[in-house]
Amino acid sequence: MTKLPPRYREILLLRFVYGYSMRETAELMDIPFTTVGKLSQRAKERLYEICRSEGVL
């Protein structure tokens, strides 16, 4: 997670660690609701790539 860009890290933490909904995450980050979905998808993809390159997966 530490190798992710800060914005990606923040969205993953809010959504999947702290359990905020997409709407709540949008409000906390002061971004549009639709952006939360896009950023979540990109962050998960990037995390997957990092894990693969590090030999975690």
N, C-alpha and C. Protein backbone atom coordinates (compact mmCIF):
# COMPACT_ATOMS: atom_id res chain seq x y z
N MET A 1 0.82 -1.20 0.00
CA MET A 1 0.00 0.00 0.00
C MET A 1 0.86 1.26 0.00
N THR A 2 2.01 1.20 0.63
CA THR A 2 2.84 2.40 0.72
C THR A 2 3.41 2.82 -0.62
N LYS A 3 3.41 1.92 -1.60
CA LYS A 3 3.93 2.25 -2.92
C LYS A 3 2.87 2.88 -3.83
N LEU A 4 1.65 2.93 -3.36
CA LEU A 4 0.57 3.57 -4.12
C LEU A 4 0.67 5.08 -4.00
N PRO A 5 0.22 5.80 -5.03
CA PRO A 5 0.11 7.25 -4.89
C PRO A 5 -0.85 7.59 -3.74
N PRO A 6 -0.62 8.69 -3.06
CA PRO A 6 -1.43 9.05 -1.89
C PRO A 6 -2.94 9.02 -2.13
N ARG A 7 -3.37 9.51 -3.27
CA ARG A 7 -4.82 9.55 -3.54
C ARG A 7 -5.40 8.14 -3.65
N TYR A 8 -4.68 7.24 -4.30
CA TYR A 8 -5.13 5.86 -4.42
C TYR A 8 -5.15 5.20 -3.04
N ARG A 9 -4.11 5.43 -2.28
CA ARG A 9 -4.03 4.85 -0.94
C ARG A 9 -5.20 5.33 -0.08
N GLU A 10 -5.48 6.63 -0.15
CA GLU A 10 -6.57 7.20 0.64
C GLU A 10 -7.91 6.58 0.28
N ILE A 11 -8.17 6.44 -1.01
CA ILE A 11 -9.48 5.92 -1.40
C ILE A 11 -9.63 4.46 -1.00
N LEU A 12 -8.57 3.66 -1.10
CA LEU A 12 -8.66 2.27 -0.69
C LEU A 12 -8.84 2.15 0.82
N LEU A 13 -8.15 2.97 1.57
CA LEU A 13 -8.31 2.95 3.02
C LEU A 13 -9.73 3.33 3.44
N LEU A 14 -10.23 4.41 2.88
CA LEU A 14 -11.58 4.85 3.23
C LEU A 14 -12.63 3.81 2.87
N ARG A 15 -12.52 3.25 1.66
CA ARG A 15 -13.54 2.32 1.18
C ARG A 15 -13.44 0.95 1.83
N PHE A 16 -12.24 0.37 1.87
CA PHE A 16 -12.12 -1.04 2.19
C PHE A 16 -11.54 -1.34 3.57
N VAL A 17 -10.93 -0.37 4.20
CA VAL A 17 -10.44 -0.58 5.57
C VAL A 17 -11.43 0.03 6.56
N TYR A 18 -11.81 1.28 6.31
CA TYR A 18 -12.72 1.96 7.23
C TYR A 18 -14.19 1.74 6.90
N GLY A 19 -14.48 1.19 5.71
CA GLY A 19 -15.83 0.79 5.37
C GLY A 19 -16.78 1.89 4.95
N TYR A 20 -16.26 3.03 4.52
CA TYR A 20 -17.14 4.10 4.07
C TYR A 20 -17.77 3.73 2.72
N SER A 21 -18.99 4.18 2.51
CA SER A 21 -19.66 3.96 1.23
C SER A 21 -19.02 4.85 0.17
N MET A 22 -19.39 4.62 -1.07
CA MET A 22 -18.86 5.46 -2.15
C MET A 22 -19.30 6.91 -1.95
N ARG A 23 -20.53 7.09 -1.54
CA ARG A 23 -21.04 8.46 -1.33
C ARG A 23 -20.30 9.15 -0.18
N GLU A 24 -20.10 8.43 0.91
CA GLU A 24 -19.38 9.00 2.06
C GLU A 24 -17.93 9.32 1.69
N THR A 25 -17.32 8.43 0.92
CA THR A 25 -15.94 8.65 0.48
C THR A 25 -15.86 9.90 -0.39
N ALA A 26 -16.81 10.06 -1.27
CA ALA A 26 -16.85 11.24 -2.13
C ALA A 26 -16.93 12.52 -1.30
N GLU A 27 -17.77 12.49 -0.29
CA GLU A 27 -17.91 13.67 0.57
C GLU A 27 -16.63 13.94 1.36
N LEU A 28 -16.02 12.89 1.91
CA LEU A 28 -14.80 13.07 2.69
C LEU A 28 -13.63 13.59 1.84
N MET A 29 -13.57 13.11 0.59
CA MET A 29 -12.46 13.51 -0.28
C MET A 29 -12.80 14.76 -1.10
N ASP A 30 -14.04 15.20 -1.00
CA ASP A 30 -14.52 16.37 -1.75
C ASP A 30 -14.32 16.19 -3.26
N ILE A 31 -14.79 15.04 -3.74
CA ILE A 31 -14.74 14.72 -5.17
C ILE A 31 -16.11 14.20 -5.60
N PRO A 32 -16.41 14.22 -6.89
CA PRO A 32 -17.69 13.70 -7.36
C PRO A 32 -17.84 12.21 -7.08
N PHE A 33 -19.07 11.80 -6.87
CA PHE A 33 -19.40 10.40 -6.59
C PHE A 33 -18.85 9.47 -7.67
N THR A 34 -19.02 9.84 -8.93
CA THR A 34 -18.57 8.99 -10.03
C THR A 34 -17.05 8.83 -10.04
N THR A 35 -16.35 9.81 -9.56
CA THR A 35 -14.89 9.74 -9.51
C THR A 35 -14.41 8.68 -8.52
N VAL A 36 -15.18 8.49 -7.47
CA VAL A 36 -14.82 7.49 -6.46
C VAL A 36 -14.73 6.11 -7.10
N GLY A 37 -15.69 5.77 -7.91
CA GLY A 37 -15.69 4.47 -8.58
C GLY A 37 -14.49 4.30 -9.50
N LYS A 38 -14.20 5.33 -10.27
CA LYS A 38 -13.07 5.28 -11.19
C LYS A 38 -11.75 5.16 -10.43
N LEU A 39 -11.60 5.97 -9.39
CA LEU A 39 -10.36 5.93 -8.61
C LEU A 39 -10.20 4.60 -7.87
N SER A 40 -11.29 4.07 -7.37
CA SER A 40 -11.23 2.77 -6.68
C SER A 40 -10.75 1.69 -7.64
N GLN A 41 -11.30 1.68 -8.82
CA GLN A 41 -10.91 0.69 -9.83
C GLN A 41 -9.43 0.83 -10.18
N ARG A 42 -8.99 2.04 -10.45
CA ARG A 42 -7.58 2.27 -10.81
C ARG A 42 -6.64 1.92 -9.65
N ALA A 43 -7.05 2.25 -8.44
CA ALA A 43 -6.22 1.96 -7.27
C ALA A 43 -6.08 0.46 -7.07
N LYS A 44 -7.17 -0.28 -7.22
CA LYS A 44 -7.11 -1.73 -7.08
C LYS A 44 -6.23 -2.35 -8.15
N GLU A 45 -6.34 -1.85 -9.37
CA GLU A 45 -5.49 -2.35 -10.47
C GLU A 45 -4.02 -2.08 -10.19
N ARG A 46 -3.71 -0.88 -9.73
CA ARG A 46 -2.33 -0.53 -9.43
C ARG A 46 -1.79 -1.38 -8.28
N LEU A 47 -2.59 -1.59 -7.24
CA LEU A 47 -2.17 -2.42 -6.12
C LEU A 47 -1.90 -3.85 -6.58
N TYR A 48 -2.74 -4.36 -7.46
CA TYR A 48 -2.56 -5.70 -8.00
C TYR A 48 -1.23 -5.78 -8.76
N GLU A 49 -0.95 -4.78 -9.60
CA GLU A 49 0.30 -4.76 -10.35
C GLU A 49 1.51 -4.73 -9.42
N ILE A 50 1.44 -3.93 -8.38
CA ILE A 50 2.53 -3.84 -7.41
C ILE A 50 2.74 -5.18 -6.72
N CYS A 51 1.64 -5.81 -6.29
CA CYS A 51 1.74 -7.11 -5.62
C CYS A 51 2.34 -8.16 -6.55
N ARG A 52 1.95 -8.14 -7.81
CA ARG A 52 2.51 -9.10 -8.78
C ARG A 52 4.01 -8.87 -8.97
N SER A 53 4.40 -7.62 -9.10
CA SER A 53 5.82 -7.33 -9.34
C SER A 53 6.69 -7.63 -8.12
N GLU A 54 6.08 -7.57 -6.92
CA GLU A 54 6.80 -7.86 -5.69
C GLU A 54 6.79 -9.35 -5.34
N GLY A 55 6.06 -10.14 -6.13
CA GLY A 55 5.99 -11.57 -5.88
C GLY A 55 5.03 -11.97 -4.78
N VAL A 56 4.13 -11.07 -4.43
CA VAL A 56 3.14 -11.36 -3.39
C VAL A 56 2.04 -12.26 -3.94
N LEU A 57 1.71 -12.09 -5.20
CA LEU A 57 0.66 -12.90 -5.83
C LEU A 57 1.26 -13.86 -6.84
